[in-house]
Amino acid sequence: ERLKVMEAVLISFVCVGMGTLAYGFLEGVGFPRMG
């Protein structure tokens, strides 16, 4: 159970980290700001 949850945490961390980083670049070209 710990292995499954840890893997899910890592997947979430990487996906959201990369997604918010990319969205930050898009905010620079006029996309709405995300809180």
Full PDB file with SEQRES, HELIX, SHEET, SSBOND, CRYST1, ORIGX, SCALE, CONECT and MASTER records, all heavy atoms in Angstrom:
SEQRES   1 A   35  GLU ARG LEU LYS VAL MET GLU ALA VAL LEU ILE SER PHE          
SEQRES   2 A   35  VAL CYS VAL GLY MET GLY THR LEU ALA TYR GLY PHE LEU          
SEQRES   3 A   35  GLU GLY VAL GLY PHE PRO ARG MET GLY                          
HELIX    1 AA1 ARG A    2  GLU A   27  1                                  26    
CRYST1    1.000    1.000    1.000  90.00  90.00  90.00 P 1           1          
ORIGX1      1.000000  0.000000  0.000000        0.00000                         
ORIGX2      0.000000  1.000000  0.000000        0.00000                         
ORIGX3      0.000000  0.000000  1.000000        0.00000                         
SCALE1      1.000000  0.000000  0.000000        0.00000                         
SCALE2      0.000000  1.000000  0.000000        0.00000                         
SCALE3      0.000000  0.000000  1.000000        0.00000                         
ATOM      1  N   GLU A   1       0.837  -1.213   0.000  1.00  0.00           N  
ATOM      2  CA  GLU A   1       0.000   0.000   0.000  1.00  0.00           C  
ATOM      3  C   GLU A   1       0.864   1.253   0.000  1.00  0.00           C  
ATOM      4  O   GLU A   1       0.592   2.216  -0.709  1.00  0.00           O  
ATOM      5  CB  GLU A   1      -0.943  -0.004   1.196  1.00  0.00           C  
ATOM      6  CG  GLU A   1      -1.998   1.061   1.146  1.00  0.00           C  
ATOM      7  CD  GLU A   1      -2.953   0.926  -0.032  1.00  0.00           C  
ATOM      8  OE1 GLU A   1      -3.239  -0.191  -0.461  1.00  0.00           O  
ATOM      9  OE2 GLU A   1      -3.415   1.975  -0.524  1.00  0.00           O  
ATOM     10  N   ARG A   2       1.931   1.237   0.783  1.00  0.00           N  
ATOM     11  CA  ARG A   2       2.849   2.382   0.810  1.00  0.00           C  
ATOM     12  C   ARG A   2       3.501   2.598  -0.552  1.00  0.00           C  
ATOM     13  O   ARG A   2       3.657   3.728  -1.003  1.00  0.00           O  
ATOM     14  CB  ARG A   2       3.931   2.183   1.868  1.00  0.00           C  
ATOM     15  CG  ARG A   2       3.419   2.334   3.277  1.00  0.00           C  
ATOM     16  CD  ARG A   2       4.514   2.025   4.279  1.00  0.00           C  
ATOM     17  NE  ARG A   2       3.966   1.960   5.602  1.00  0.00           N  
ATOM     18  CZ  ARG A   2       4.363   2.721   6.617  1.00  0.00           C  
ATOM     19  NH1 ARG A   2       5.335   3.584   6.445  1.00  0.00           N  
ATOM     20  NH2 ARG A   2       3.809   2.611   7.794  1.00  0.00           N  
ATOM     21  N   LEU A   3       3.883   1.503  -1.218  1.00  0.00           N  
ATOM     22  CA  LEU A   3       4.481   1.595  -2.546  1.00  0.00           C  
ATOM     23  C   LEU A   3       3.508   2.212  -3.547  1.00  0.00           C  
ATOM     24  O   LEU A   3       3.872   3.117  -4.307  1.00  0.00           O  
ATOM     25  CB  LEU A   3       4.911   0.201  -3.023  1.00  0.00           C  
ATOM     26  CG  LEU A   3       5.442   0.119  -4.456  1.00  0.00           C  
ATOM     27  CD1 LEU A   3       6.778   0.833  -4.561  1.00  0.00           C  
ATOM     28  CD2 LEU A   3       5.559  -1.331  -4.898  1.00  0.00           C  
ATOM     29  N   LYS A   4       2.257   1.752  -3.516  1.00  0.00           N  
ATOM     30  CA  LYS A   4       1.253   2.274  -4.454  1.00  0.00           C  
ATOM     31  C   LYS A   4       1.007   3.763  -4.222  1.00  0.00           C  
ATOM     32  O   LYS A   4       0.952   4.553  -5.173  1.00  0.00           O  
ATOM     33  CB  LYS A   4      -0.059   1.496  -4.324  1.00  0.00           C  
ATOM     34  CG  LYS A   4       0.039   0.068  -4.812  1.00  0.00           C  
ATOM     35  CD  LYS A   4      -1.300  -0.626  -4.906  1.00  0.00           C  
ATOM     36  CE  LYS A   4      -1.993  -0.796  -3.597  1.00  0.00           C  
ATOM     37  NZ  LYS A   4      -3.193  -1.640  -3.680  1.00  0.00           N  
ATOM     38  N   VAL A   5       0.892   4.166  -2.968  1.00  0.00           N  
ATOM     39  CA  VAL A   5       0.633   5.573  -2.657  1.00  0.00           C  
ATOM     40  C   VAL A   5       1.848   6.428  -3.005  1.00  0.00           C  
ATOM     41  O   VAL A   5       1.710   7.518  -3.569  1.00  0.00           O  
ATOM     42  CB  VAL A   5       0.218   5.751  -1.179  1.00  0.00           C  
ATOM     43  CG1 VAL A   5       0.172   7.224  -0.800  1.00  0.00           C  
ATOM     44  CG2 VAL A   5      -1.128   5.094  -0.926  1.00  0.00           C  
ATOM     45  N   MET A   6       3.037   5.935  -2.712  1.00  0.00           N  
ATOM     46  CA  MET A   6       4.242   6.704  -3.032  1.00  0.00           C  
ATOM     47  C   MET A   6       4.375   6.913  -4.530  1.00  0.00           C  
ATOM     48  O   MET A   6       4.726   8.006  -4.984  1.00  0.00           O  
ATOM     49  CB  MET A   6       5.484   5.986  -2.476  1.00  0.00           C  
ATOM     50  CG  MET A   6       6.729   6.788  -2.596  1.00  0.00           C  
ATOM     51  SD  MET A   6       6.551   8.311  -1.646  1.00  0.00           S  
ATOM     52  CE  MET A   6       7.902   9.230  -2.279  1.00  0.00           C  
ATOM     53  N   GLU A   7       4.083   5.867  -5.307  1.00  0.00           N  
ATOM     54  CA  GLU A   7       4.145   6.015  -6.751  1.00  0.00           C  
ATOM     55  C   GLU A   7       3.094   7.026  -7.234  1.00  0.00           C  
ATOM     56  O   GLU A   7       3.375   7.844  -8.109  1.00  0.00           O  
ATOM     57  CB  GLU A   7       3.937   4.664  -7.429  1.00  0.00           C  
ATOM     58  CG  GLU A   7       4.247   4.705  -8.904  1.00  0.00           C  
ATOM     59  CD  GLU A   7       4.296   3.322  -9.531  1.00  0.00           C  
ATOM     60  OE1 GLU A   7       4.829   2.395  -8.901  1.00  0.00           O  
ATOM     61  OE2 GLU A   7       3.812   3.188 -10.669  1.00  0.00           O  
ATOM     62  N   ALA A   8       1.911   6.986  -6.648  1.00  0.00           N  
ATOM     63  CA  ALA A   8       0.866   7.946  -7.017  1.00  0.00           C  
ATOM     64  C   ALA A   8       1.280   9.373  -6.664  1.00  0.00           C  
ATOM     65  O   ALA A   8       1.043  10.310  -7.440  1.00  0.00           O  
ATOM     66  CB  ALA A   8      -0.448   7.589  -6.320  1.00  0.00           C  
ATOM     67  N   VAL A   9       1.927   9.547  -5.516  1.00  0.00           N  
ATOM     68  CA  VAL A   9       2.414  10.874  -5.120  1.00  0.00           C  
ATOM     69  C   VAL A   9       3.459  11.375  -6.123  1.00  0.00           C  
ATOM     70  O   VAL A   9       3.420  12.537  -6.541  1.00  0.00           O  
ATOM     71  CB  VAL A   9       3.001  10.839  -3.688  1.00  0.00           C  
ATOM     72  CG1 VAL A   9       3.780  12.102  -3.376  1.00  0.00           C  
ATOM     73  CG2 VAL A   9       1.898  10.652  -2.671  1.00  0.00           C  
ATOM     74  N   LEU A  10       4.379  10.507  -6.515  1.00  0.00           N  
ATOM     75  CA  LEU A  10       5.410  10.911  -7.473  1.00  0.00           C  
ATOM     76  C   LEU A  10       4.812  11.267  -8.832  1.00  0.00           C  
ATOM     77  O   LEU A  10       5.213  12.261  -9.448  1.00  0.00           O  
ATOM     78  CB  LEU A  10       6.457   9.803  -7.626  1.00  0.00           C  
ATOM     79  CG  LEU A  10       7.384   9.621  -6.440  1.00  0.00           C  
ATOM     80  CD1 LEU A  10       8.233   8.371  -6.612  1.00  0.00           C  
ATOM     81  CD2 LEU A  10       8.261  10.836  -6.247  1.00  0.00           C  
ATOM     82  N   ILE A  11       3.866  10.472  -9.300  1.00  0.00           N  
ATOM     83  CA  ILE A  11       3.197  10.772 -10.569  1.00  0.00           C  
ATOM     84  C   ILE A  11       2.514  12.135 -10.487  1.00  0.00           C  
ATOM     85  O   ILE A  11       2.654  12.975 -11.378  1.00  0.00           O  
ATOM     86  CB  ILE A  11       2.187   9.663 -10.935  1.00  0.00           C  
ATOM     87  CG1 ILE A  11       2.922   8.376 -11.293  1.00  0.00           C  
ATOM     88  CG2 ILE A  11       1.274  10.109 -12.080  1.00  0.00           C  
ATOM     89  CD1 ILE A  11       2.013   7.154 -11.387  1.00  0.00           C  
ATOM     90  N   SER A  12       1.793  12.363  -9.393  1.00  0.00           N  
ATOM     91  CA  SER A  12       1.090  13.627  -9.210  1.00  0.00           C  
ATOM     92  C   SER A  12       2.068  14.799  -9.147  1.00  0.00           C  
ATOM     93  O   SER A  12       1.865  15.835  -9.790  1.00  0.00           O  
ATOM     94  CB  SER A  12       0.259  13.571  -7.922  1.00  0.00           C  
ATOM     95  OG  SER A  12      -0.351  14.793  -7.658  1.00  0.00           O  
ATOM     96  N   PHE A  13       3.132  14.635  -8.381  1.00  0.00           N  
ATOM     97  CA  PHE A  13       4.138  15.688  -8.230  1.00  0.00           C  
ATOM     98  C   PHE A  13       4.733  16.084  -9.575  1.00  0.00           C  
ATOM     99  O   PHE A  13       4.810  17.267  -9.915  1.00  0.00           O  
ATOM    100  CB  PHE A  13       5.232  15.195  -7.269  1.00  0.00           C  
ATOM    101  CG  PHE A  13       6.387  16.143  -7.111  1.00  0.00           C  
ATOM    102  CD1 PHE A  13       6.277  17.244  -6.285  1.00  0.00           C  
ATOM    103  CD2 PHE A  13       7.575  15.928  -7.783  1.00  0.00           C  
ATOM    104  CE1 PHE A  13       7.349  18.123  -6.135  1.00  0.00           C  
ATOM    105  CE2 PHE A  13       8.647  16.785  -7.635  1.00  0.00           C  
ATOM    106  CZ  PHE A  13       8.530  17.892  -6.813  1.00  0.00           C  
ATOM    107  N   VAL A  14       5.129  15.091 -10.363  1.00  0.00           N  
ATOM    108  CA  VAL A  14       5.765  15.374 -11.650  1.00  0.00           C  
ATOM    109  C   VAL A  14       4.761  15.974 -12.641  1.00  0.00           C  
ATOM    110  O   VAL A  14       5.055  16.976 -13.300  1.00  0.00           O  
ATOM    111  CB  VAL A  14       6.436  14.101 -12.222  1.00  0.00           C  
ATOM    112  CG1 VAL A  14       6.892  14.312 -13.649  1.00  0.00           C  
ATOM    113  CG2 VAL A  14       7.606  13.694 -11.345  1.00  0.00           C  
ATOM    114  N   CYS A  15       3.578  15.386 -12.732  1.00  0.00           N  
ATOM    115  CA  CYS A  15       2.582  15.892 -13.687  1.00  0.00           C  
ATOM    116  C   CYS A  15       2.152  17.327 -13.364  1.00  0.00           C  
ATOM    117  O   CYS A  15       2.130  18.187 -14.239  1.00  0.00           O  
ATOM    118  CB  CYS A  15       1.350  14.981 -13.718  1.00  0.00           C  
ATOM    119  SG  CYS A  15       1.642  13.391 -14.496  1.00  0.00           S  
ATOM    120  N   VAL A  16       1.829  17.573 -12.109  1.00  0.00           N  
ATOM    121  CA  VAL A  16       1.383  18.919 -11.727  1.00  0.00           C  
ATOM    122  C   VAL A  16       2.546  19.897 -11.777  1.00  0.00           C  
ATOM    123  O   VAL A  16       2.386  21.039 -12.225  1.00  0.00           O  
ATOM    124  CB  VAL A  16       0.707  18.908 -10.342  1.00  0.00           C  
ATOM    125  CG1 VAL A  16       0.412  20.317  -9.854  1.00  0.00           C  
ATOM    126  CG2 VAL A  16      -0.580  18.089 -10.393  1.00  0.00           C  
ATOM    127  N   GLY A  17       3.723  19.464 -11.374  1.00  0.00           N  
ATOM    128  CA  GLY A  17       4.898  20.336 -11.445  1.00  0.00           C  
ATOM    129  C   GLY A  17       5.184  20.777 -12.870  1.00  0.00           C  
ATOM    130  O   GLY A  17       5.372  21.962 -13.151  1.00  0.00           O  
ATOM    131  N   MET A  18       5.211  19.812 -13.791  1.00  0.00           N  
ATOM    132  CA  MET A  18       5.478  20.146 -15.191  1.00  0.00           C  
ATOM    133  C   MET A  18       4.326  20.957 -15.785  1.00  0.00           C  
ATOM    134  O   MET A  18       4.556  21.897 -16.547  1.00  0.00           O  
ATOM    135  CB  MET A  18       5.710  18.867 -15.996  1.00  0.00           C  
ATOM    136  CG  MET A  18       7.024  18.205 -15.645  1.00  0.00           C  
ATOM    137  SD  MET A  18       7.397  16.613 -16.439  1.00  0.00           S  
ATOM    138  CE  MET A  18       6.313  16.455 -17.791  1.00  0.00           C  
ATOM    139  N   GLY A  19       3.105  20.594 -15.425  1.00  0.00           N  
ATOM    140  CA  GLY A  19       1.947  21.318 -15.955  1.00  0.00           C  
ATOM    141  C   GLY A  19       1.891  22.766 -15.496  1.00  0.00           C  
ATOM    142  O   GLY A  19       1.640  23.669 -16.292  1.00  0.00           O  
ATOM    143  N   THR A  20       2.150  23.008 -14.209  1.00  0.00           N  
ATOM    144  CA  THR A  20       2.117  24.389 -13.720  1.00  0.00           C  
ATOM    145  C   THR A  20       3.309  25.191 -14.238  1.00  0.00           C  
ATOM    146  O   THR A  20       3.182  26.397 -14.474  1.00  0.00           O  
ATOM    147  CB  THR A  20       2.071  24.448 -12.181  1.00  0.00           C  
ATOM    148  OG1 THR A  20       3.151  23.698 -11.633  1.00  0.00           O  
ATOM    149  CG2 THR A  20       0.750  23.908 -11.657  1.00  0.00           C  
ATOM    150  N   LEU A  21       4.446  24.535 -14.421  1.00  0.00           N  
ATOM    151  CA  LEU A  21       5.595  25.215 -15.015  1.00  0.00           C  
ATOM    152  C   LEU A  21       5.255  25.656 -16.443  1.00  0.00           C  
ATOM    153  O   LEU A  21       5.479  26.815 -16.824  1.00  0.00           O  
ATOM    154  CB  LEU A  21       6.813  24.300 -15.012  1.00  0.00           C  
ATOM    155  CG  LEU A  21       8.096  24.889 -15.612  1.00  0.00           C  
ATOM    156  CD1 LEU A  21       8.596  26.052 -14.762  1.00  0.00           C  
ATOM    157  CD2 LEU A  21       9.156  23.814 -15.733  1.00  0.00           C  
ATOM    158  N   ALA A  22       4.690  24.739 -17.214  1.00  0.00           N  
ATOM    159  CA  ALA A  22       4.305  25.070 -18.593  1.00  0.00           C  
ATOM    160  C   ALA A  22       3.241  26.167 -18.611  1.00  0.00           C  
ATOM    161  O   ALA A  22       3.319  27.097 -19.422  1.00  0.00           O  
ATOM    162  CB  ALA A  22       3.778  23.816 -19.303  1.00  0.00           C  
ATOM    163  N   TYR A  23       2.275  26.086 -17.687  1.00  0.00           N  
ATOM    164  CA  TYR A  23       1.241  27.106 -17.656  1.00  0.00           C  
ATOM    165  C   TYR A  23       1.823  28.469 -17.284  1.00  0.00           C  
ATOM    166  O   TYR A  23       1.365  29.508 -17.770  1.00  0.00           O  
ATOM    167  CB  TYR A  23       0.101  26.730 -16.703  1.00  0.00           C  
ATOM    168  CG  TYR A  23      -1.116  27.583 -16.929  1.00  0.00           C  
ATOM    169  CD1 TYR A  23      -2.021  27.267 -17.936  1.00  0.00           C  
ATOM    170  CD2 TYR A  23      -1.352  28.730 -16.180  1.00  0.00           C  
ATOM    171  CE1 TYR A  23      -3.132  28.058 -18.180  1.00  0.00           C  
ATOM    172  CE2 TYR A  23      -2.457  29.528 -16.416  1.00  0.00           C  
ATOM    173  CZ  TYR A  23      -3.341  29.193 -17.415  1.00  0.00           C  
ATOM    174  OH  TYR A  23      -4.435  29.988 -17.662  1.00  0.00           O  
ATOM    175  N   GLY A  24       2.830  28.473 -16.440  1.00  0.00           N  
ATOM    176  CA  GLY A  24       3.504  29.734 -16.099  1.00  0.00           C  
ATOM    177  C   GLY A  24       4.080  30.411 -17.331  1.00  0.00           C  
ATOM    178  O   GLY A  24       4.004  31.633 -17.486  1.00  0.00           O  
ATOM    179  N   PHE A  25       4.636  29.614 -18.251  1.00  0.00           N  
ATOM    180  CA  PHE A  25       5.138  30.178 -19.505  1.00  0.00           C  
ATOM    181  C   PHE A  25       3.983  30.718 -20.348  1.00  0.00           C  
ATOM    182  O   PHE A  25       4.111  31.760 -20.996  1.00  0.00           O  
ATOM    183  CB  PHE A  25       5.919  29.131 -20.296  1.00  0.00           C  
ATOM    184  CG  PHE A  25       7.186  28.691 -19.626  1.00  0.00           C  
ATOM    185  CD1 PHE A  25       7.502  27.348 -19.540  1.00  0.00           C  
ATOM    186  CD2 PHE A  25       8.074  29.611 -19.079  1.00  0.00           C  
ATOM    187  CE1 PHE A  25       8.675  26.933 -18.935  1.00  0.00           C  
ATOM    188  CE2 PHE A  25       9.248  29.206 -18.470  1.00  0.00           C  
ATOM    189  CZ  PHE A  25       9.551  27.860 -18.390  1.00  0.00           C  
ATOM    190  N   LEU A  26       2.862  30.007 -20.335  1.00  0.00           N  
ATOM    191  CA  LEU A  26       1.701  30.458 -21.104  1.00  0.00           C  
ATOM    192  C   LEU A  26       1.108  31.749 -20.531  1.00  0.00           C  
ATOM    193  O   LEU A  26       0.590  32.577 -21.283  1.00  0.00           O  
ATOM    194  CB  LEU A  26       0.632  29.357 -21.157  1.00  0.00           C  
ATOM    195  CG  LEU A  26       1.037  28.096 -21.919  1.00  0.00           C  
ATOM    196  CD1 LEU A  26      -0.033  27.025 -21.763  1.00  0.00           C  
ATOM    197  CD2 LEU A  26       1.286  28.410 -23.389  1.00  0.00           C  
ATOM    198  N   GLU A  27       1.186  31.922 -19.215  1.00  0.00           N  
ATOM    199  CA  GLU A  27       0.731  33.185 -18.621  1.00  0.00           C  
ATOM    200  C   GLU A  27       1.535  34.358 -19.169  1.00  0.00           C  
ATOM    201  O   GLU A  27       1.022  35.465 -19.304  1.00  0.00           O  
ATOM    202  CB  GLU A  27       0.859  33.142 -17.096  1.00  0.00           C  
ATOM    203  CG  GLU A  27      -0.193  32.306 -16.411  1.00  0.00           C  
ATOM    204  CD  GLU A  27      -0.012  32.273 -14.900  1.00  0.00           C  
ATOM    205  OE1 GLU A  27       1.025  32.767 -14.387  1.00  0.00           O  
ATOM    206  OE2 GLU A  27      -0.907  31.739 -14.228  1.00  0.00           O  
ATOM    207  N   GLY A  28       2.791  34.099 -19.499  1.00  0.00           N  
ATOM    208  CA  GLY A  28       3.657  35.143 -20.052  1.00  0.00           C  
ATOM    209  C   GLY A  28       3.227  35.620 -21.431  1.00  0.00           C  
ATOM    210  O   GLY A  28       3.609  36.713 -21.850  1.00  0.00           O  
ATOM    211  N   VAL A  29       2.428  34.818 -22.134  1.00  0.00           N  
ATOM    212  CA  VAL A  29       1.958  35.236 -23.458  1.00  0.00           C  
ATOM    213  C   VAL A  29       0.471  35.578 -23.458  1.00  0.00           C  
ATOM    214  O   VAL A  29      -0.146  35.651 -24.513  1.00  0.00           O  
ATOM    215  CB  VAL A  29       2.257  34.166 -24.549  1.00  0.00           C  
ATOM    216  CG1 VAL A  29       3.753  33.998 -24.725  1.00  0.00           C  
ATOM    217  CG2 VAL A  29       1.563  32.855 -24.250  1.00  0.00           C  
ATOM    218  N   GLY A  30      -0.101  35.766 -22.261  1.00  0.00           N  
ATOM    219  CA  GLY A  30      -1.464  36.268 -22.199  1.00  0.00           C  
ATOM    220  C   GLY A  30      -2.522  35.344 -21.622  1.00  0.00           C  
ATOM    221  O   GLY A  30      -3.671  35.749 -21.507  1.00  0.00           O  
ATOM    222  N   PHE A  31      -2.167  34.101 -21.273  1.00  0.00           N  
ATOM    223  CA  PHE A  31      -3.162  33.231 -20.637  1.00  0.00           C  
ATOM    224  C   PHE A  31      -3.553  33.820 -19.282  1.00  0.00           C  
ATOM    225  O   PHE A  31      -2.745  34.513 -18.644  1.00  0.00           O  
ATOM    226  CB  PHE A  31      -2.594  31.826 -20.443  1.00  0.00           C  
ATOM    227  CG  PHE A  31      -2.739  30.929 -21.641  1.00  0.00           C  
ATOM    228  CD1 PHE A  31      -2.158  31.261 -22.861  1.00  0.00           C  
ATOM    229  CD2 PHE A  31      -3.454  29.746 -21.556  1.00  0.00           C  
ATOM    230  CE1 PHE A  31      -2.271  30.440 -23.959  1.00  0.00           C  
ATOM    231  CE2 PHE A  31      -3.580  28.906 -22.652  1.00  0.00           C  
ATOM    232  CZ  PHE A  31      -2.998  29.250 -23.856  1.00  0.00           C  
ATOM    233  N   PRO A  32      -4.776  33.549 -18.820  1.00  0.00           N  
ATOM    234  CA  PRO A  32      -5.187  34.109 -17.518  1.00  0.00           C  
ATOM    235  C   PRO A  32      -4.337  33.563 -16.373  1.00  0.00           C  
ATOM    236  O   PRO A  32      -3.875  32.431 -16.420  1.00  0.00           O  
ATOM    237  CB  PRO A  32      -6.640  33.658 -17.369  1.00  0.00           C  
ATOM    238  CG  PRO A  32      -6.907  32.685 -18.441  1.00  0.00           C  
ATOM    239  CD  PRO A  32      -5.808  32.748 -19.441  1.00  0.00           C  
ATOM    240  N   ARG A  33      -4.139  34.399 -15.376  1.00  0.00           N  
ATOM    241  CA  ARG A  33      -3.352  34.004 -14.213  1.00  0.00           C  
ATOM    242  C   ARG A  33      -4.082  32.919 -13.430  1.00  0.00           C  
ATOM    243  O   ARG A  33      -5.286  32.955 -13.277  1.00  0.00           O  
ATOM    244  CB  ARG A  33      -3.113  35.202 -13.324  1.00  0.00           C  
ATOM    245  CG  ARG A  33      -2.115  36.171 -13.977  1.00  0.00           C  
ATOM    246  CD  ARG A  33      -1.249  36.737 -12.992  1.00  0.00           C  
ATOM    247  NE  ARG A  33       0.050  37.130 -12.911  1.00  0.00           N  
ATOM    248  CZ  ARG A  33       1.139  36.664 -13.482  1.00  0.00           C  
ATOM    249  NH1 ARG A  33       1.073  35.695 -14.316  1.00  0.00           N  
ATOM    250  NH2 ARG A  33       2.313  37.149 -13.221  1.00  0.00           N  
ATOM    251  N   MET A  34      -3.311  31.974 -12.920  1.00  0.00           N  
ATOM    252  CA  MET A  34      -3.874  30.901 -12.099  1.00  0.00           C  
ATOM    253  C   MET A  34      -3.436  31.137 -10.655  1.00  0.00           C  
ATOM    254  O   MET A  34      -2.247  31.329 -10.385  1.00  0.00           O  
ATOM    255  CB  MET A  34      -3.355  29.541 -12.576  1.00  0.00           C  
ATOM    256  CG  MET A  34      -3.902  28.378 -11.777  1.00  0.00           C  
ATOM    257  SD  MET A  34      -3.363  26.756 -12.371  1.00  0.00           S  
ATOM    258  CE  MET A  34      -1.651  26.760 -11.945  1.00  0.00           C  
ATOM    259  N   GLY A  35      -4.397  31.126  -9.753  1.00  0.00           N  
ATOM    260  CA  GLY A  35      -4.074  31.304  -8.340  1.00  0.00           C  
ATOM    261  C   GLY A  35      -3.274  30.124  -7.811  1.00  0.00           C  
ATOM    262  O   GLY A  35      -3.475  28.982  -8.227  1.00  0.00           O  
TER     263      GLY A  35                                                      
MASTER        0    0    0    1    0    0    0    6  262    1    0    3          
END                                                                             
